[in-house]
Amino acid sequence: MAEQFAAPRTTVVTGAGGWLGRGLVHRFLHDPARRHVKLLAHSTAEAHALASLGDVEIVIGDIGRPDTARRLLHGAGTDCDVIHTAGIIHPRLTREFFEINANGTRHLVEAAAEHGVRRLVHVSSNSPFGTNPHANDTFRANEPYNPYYGYGVSKMQAELAVFEAVDRGLDATIVRPPWFYGPFQPPRQTVFFRMIRAGRFPVVGDGEQRRSMVYIDNLVDGVVAAELTPAASGNAYWIADRRPYTVNEIVETVGRALADEGLEVKPNNVHVPAIAGRTAEFGDRIVQRLGRYQQQLHVLGEMNHTIACDISRAMNELGYDPRVELYDGMRASVRWCLDEGVEL
């Protein structure tokens, strides 16, 4: 096990109302070593929801504005870590990618350096690296940038802002998760479950494209390991489940998890030719060049590709050990939805 810091007195989480943010807050509030948890909420409604989780301090603001980062980190110091999860994935206009993902990260790393925080963990994505060039390829630890459209470019710019701040003396590290799944899921993941339950999820091509995925608890483990491992400073890590899954395996496993929780699931017989994925990808490119974003086009185009990553560096340097694999994680996801009254 790698040497680790003790938990800081103050832990700051941006994007606390999001999928990963809620997973982190849940973990931190159950850790007695985390004495002060401070959260950034985007709205008053989100702040009220976060306040109901437990003893937290909340700052309301837009991470795209420089004054928000300064207010959030006011009074922070060397006994404070910052976990930066705030970002936008599916906006209406492509400029929002850059206002929030890129500029928001620049504002935060500048404020973190100004206030002398102990460590900043930036949560990135697979999108700065695009898609694997062929089905058997796997992204390595030092993969060159090849961003996938607007989101990928904005997250690449965010990573570069972090690395530039590291060069100026900030202690920071980056984690790069792929597709999440698990409790606290947003509506887009619920739609995915409903489509599979109805037998309507479109499998593009032969369905043998590989996808790295990460169960939310595995991801929280990886983020905390990156936060608390001194040797992680200045490095970036892929954080995912132990192995990638094919699209066929994902669809079959989700269907089985739904059925095993007592839900009726229809056989999935929707297959679309690979050219449909390429057409969607072309349409996505055109729409984004016009400054707009269309989620369905983007997702369908991306589903035509392999996006697989190698987590060995995180395992070797952080002691990261993903404990949950696809079936158990998806079944926990379904149970969470049912417990929360989410209609599947």
Foldseek 3Di string as FASTA:
>chain_A
DFDWAQQFQEEEEEPLLAQLNVVLVLVLVPDVSNNAYEYEDADPVSVVVVPVVDDYHYDYHALLDLVSLLVRCVPAAARYEYEYDDADDFDFFLVRRQSRLQNSLLSNLVNCVVRHYNEYEYEAELQQQPFDPDQPDAAEFPRDGDGQPSNNVSRVNSVVSVLVSVVVPHFYAYEYEYAEFFPPDDVVVVVVLVCLQALRDEQEAPQQAWEFYAYSVLVSLLRVLCRTRSVRTSGYFYGTAQWTDGRVVLSVLLQVLCVVVPGHGDHNDHYDYLVVLVVLSVVQNVQNVVRGGDVVSVVSNSSSGHHHHHGVVSCVRRVRDRDDDRNVRSNNRVVNCVVVVNDD
